[in-house]
Amino acid sequence: MNRLKVYLDTSIISYLDQQDAPLRMQETKRLWELFRDDKYDVYISDIVIREINQCPPAKLEVLNQVLDEISYTVIETDENTLALAEKFIDFGILKQKSMDDCQHIAAAILAGCDIITSWNFKHIVNVRTIRGVKVITTLEGYKDLLIYPPSILVESEGEENG
């Protein structure tokens, strides 16, 4: 079976060093172990890199170190990413102020990812966005994109090994 292509939004990487959220941090570290073991094909975008680079220097250093521990592909966003991201706004799925989140989703779709994983429940991992993304991918003829928190990937991997 082919490995799943998993897109990470910035929240996943950020929670590797999120002292005020120990449970999410622990879960993200378990997911990171799966990435280190090459269980998934990992994708991030240039938007993720830009957002990470806005972190304070100490956190930026930690996040760059953990990124160096895994193999991943960087998706360069372009006008196609922007156009698809705009559709999420036009359809009322997300608002203009969430353009970066729209671009994360669009980048994952255009790269043919199977899953986008995120801790962003406000804009990405919620029923409204999931249903809206399904409508857009269906209308535009793209492959379905599953949207999940990291626990789904960690738990499903545990079941396969258990």
Protein backbone atom coordinates (compact mmCIF):
# COMPACT_ATOMS: atom_id res chain seq x y z
CA MET A 1 0.00 0.00 0.00
CA ASN A 2 1.26 3.47 -0.85
CA ARG A 3 2.22 5.74 1.98
CA LEU A 4 -0.17 8.56 2.69
CA LYS A 5 0.84 12.06 1.66
CA VAL A 6 0.35 14.22 4.75
CA TYR A 7 0.41 18.02 4.68
CA LEU A 8 1.38 19.71 7.94
CA ASP A 9 0.11 23.17 8.65
CA THR A 10 2.21 25.42 10.87
CA SER A 11 0.32 24.50 14.06
CA ILE A 12 1.67 20.93 13.95
CA ILE A 13 5.29 22.06 13.87
CA SER A 14 4.64 24.81 16.40
CA TYR A 15 3.14 22.36 18.92
CA LEU A 16 6.42 20.44 19.05
CA ASP A 17 7.50 23.26 21.37
CA GLN A 18 4.28 24.42 23.04
CA GLN A 19 4.96 24.30 26.78
CA ASP A 20 1.53 25.69 27.70
CA ALA A 21 -0.22 22.75 25.96
CA PRO A 22 1.60 19.63 27.22
CA LEU A 23 -0.95 17.07 25.96
CA ARG A 24 -0.99 18.40 22.42
CA MET A 25 2.78 18.75 22.52
CA GLN A 26 3.14 15.11 23.60
CA GLU A 27 0.76 13.91 20.89
CA THR A 28 2.59 15.96 18.25
CA LYS A 29 5.89 14.43 19.35
CA ARG A 30 4.38 10.95 18.92
CA LEU A 31 3.33 11.93 15.42
CA TRP A 32 6.84 13.27 14.75
CA GLU A 33 8.28 9.86 15.62
CA LEU A 34 6.13 8.37 12.85
CA PHE A 35 7.52 10.98 10.46
CA ARG A 36 11.08 10.17 11.59
CA ASP A 37 10.35 6.50 10.91
CA ASP A 38 9.20 7.47 7.40
CA LYS A 39 5.65 6.14 7.87
CA TYR A 40 4.21 9.00 5.79
CA ASP A 41 5.27 11.27 2.94
CA VAL A 42 5.34 14.68 4.61
CA TYR A 43 4.57 17.96 2.86
CA ILE A 44 4.75 21.55 4.03
CA SER A 45 4.48 24.75 2.02
CA ASP A 46 6.47 27.93 1.76
CA ILE A 47 3.64 29.48 3.83
CA VAL A 48 4.57 27.16 6.72
CA ILE A 49 8.21 28.23 6.42
CA ARG A 50 7.22 31.91 6.35
CA GLU A 51 5.00 31.48 9.44
CA ILE A 52 7.69 29.55 11.33
CA ASN A 53 10.23 32.26 10.53
CA GLN A 54 7.98 34.73 12.41
CA CYS A 55 8.52 32.82 15.69
CA PRO A 56 10.80 34.22 18.41
CA PRO A 57 14.46 33.18 17.86
CA ALA A 58 14.56 30.50 20.60
CA LYS A 59 11.43 28.76 19.31
CA LEU A 60 12.55 29.17 15.69
CA GLU A 61 15.77 27.34 16.51
CA VAL A 62 13.87 24.43 18.10
CA LEU A 63 11.42 24.19 15.18
CA ASN A 64 14.21 24.21 12.61
CA GLN A 65 15.97 21.44 14.53
CA VAL A 66 12.88 19.22 14.56
CA LEU A 67 12.27 19.86 10.87
CA ASP A 68 15.82 18.68 10.20
CA GLU A 69 14.89 15.33 11.82
CA ILE A 70 12.41 14.35 9.10
CA SER A 71 12.17 14.13 5.32
CA TYR A 72 9.63 16.45 3.76
CA THR A 73 8.75 18.13 0.51
CA VAL A 74 8.22 21.90 0.34
CA ILE A 75 5.34 23.00 -1.86
CA GLU A 76 5.97 26.34 -3.55
CA THR A 77 2.69 28.20 -3.65
CA ASP A 78 1.75 30.09 -6.81
CA GLU A 79 -1.18 31.81 -8.52
CA ASN A 80 -3.02 28.46 -8.72
CA THR A 81 -2.76 28.11 -4.94
CA LEU A 82 -4.05 31.64 -4.51
CA ALA A 83 -6.93 31.09 -6.94
CA LEU A 84 -8.04 27.91 -5.17
CA ALA A 85 -7.65 29.57 -1.76
CA GLU A 86 -9.88 32.43 -2.96
CA LYS A 87 -12.63 29.91 -3.76
CA PHE A 88 -12.82 28.94 -0.08
CA ILE A 89 -13.45 32.61 0.68
CA ASP A 90 -15.86 33.11 -2.24
CA PHE A 91 -17.91 30.10 -1.07
CA GLY A 92 -18.02 31.51 2.45
CA ILE A 93 -16.08 28.59 3.93
CA LEU A 94 -13.49 30.89 5.51
CA LYS A 95 -13.04 34.66 5.70
CA GLN A 96 -10.40 36.79 3.96
CA LYS A 97 -8.48 37.18 7.24
CA SER A 98 -7.90 33.39 7.15
CA MET A 99 -6.18 33.53 3.75
CA ASP A 100 -3.07 31.72 5.04
CA ASP A 101 -5.27 28.85 6.25
CA CYS A 102 -7.01 28.78 2.86
CA GLN A 103 -3.61 28.61 1.18
CA HIS A 104 -2.52 25.71 3.41
CA ILE A 105 -5.60 23.77 2.31
CA ALA A 106 -5.16 24.76 -1.34
CA ALA A 107 -1.47 23.80 -1.34
CA ALA A 108 -2.33 20.38 0.11
CA ILE A 109 -5.03 19.82 -2.52
CA LEU A 110 -2.87 20.92 -5.46
CA ALA A 111 0.02 18.73 -4.27
CA GLY A 112 -2.32 15.73 -4.25
CA CYS A 113 -1.99 15.17 -0.51
CA ASP A 114 -4.29 12.63 1.13
CA ILE A 115 -4.54 14.38 4.49
CA ILE A 116 -3.94 17.78 6.01
CA THR A 117 -3.31 17.59 9.73
CA SER A 118 -3.68 20.58 11.99
CA TRP A 119 -4.33 21.74 15.54
CA ASN A 120 -6.28 24.69 14.11
CA PHE A 121 -9.82 23.74 15.09
CA LYS A 122 -11.11 27.29 14.59
CA HIS A 123 -10.38 27.47 10.85
CA ILE A 124 -9.25 24.12 9.47
CA VAL A 125 -10.30 21.06 11.51
CA ASN A 126 -14.02 21.69 11.81
CA VAL A 127 -17.20 20.50 10.12
CA ARG A 128 -17.82 23.71 8.17
CA THR A 129 -14.36 23.74 6.59
CA ILE A 130 -14.29 19.97 6.01
CA ARG A 131 -17.67 20.04 4.24
CA GLY A 132 -16.72 23.16 2.25
CA VAL A 133 -13.43 21.66 1.12
CA LYS A 134 -15.28 18.52 0.02
CA VAL A 135 -17.65 20.64 -2.09
CA ILE A 136 -14.79 22.54 -3.74
CA THR A 137 -12.68 19.42 -4.45
CA THR A 138 -15.71 17.70 -5.94
CA LEU A 139 -16.70 20.72 -8.07
CA GLU A 140 -13.15 21.33 -9.25
CA GLY A 141 -12.35 17.65 -9.87
CA TYR A 142 -9.59 17.33 -7.28
CA LYS A 143 -8.85 14.30 -5.15
CA ASP A 144 -10.58 14.37 -1.75
CA LEU A 145 -8.51 15.89 1.03
CA LEU A 146 -9.08 14.46 4.49
CA ILE A 147 -8.75 16.96 7.34
CA TYR A 148 -7.80 15.59 10.75
CA PRO A 149 -6.07 16.43 14.00
CA PRO A 150 -2.81 14.52 14.59
CA SER A 151 -4.45 12.02 16.94
CA ILE A 152 -6.05 10.24 13.95
CA LEU A 153 -2.66 9.52 12.40
CA VAL A 154 -1.09 8.48 15.71
CA GLU A 155 -4.02 6.22 16.66
CA SER A 156 -4.34 4.57 13.24
CA GLU A 157 -0.61 3.81 13.23
CA GLY A 158 -0.90 2.30 16.71
CA GLU A 159 -3.69 -0.01 15.55
CA GLU A 160 -1.65 -1.26 12.59
CA ASN A 161 1.24 -2.08 14.89
CA GLY A 162 -0.93 -3.47 17.70
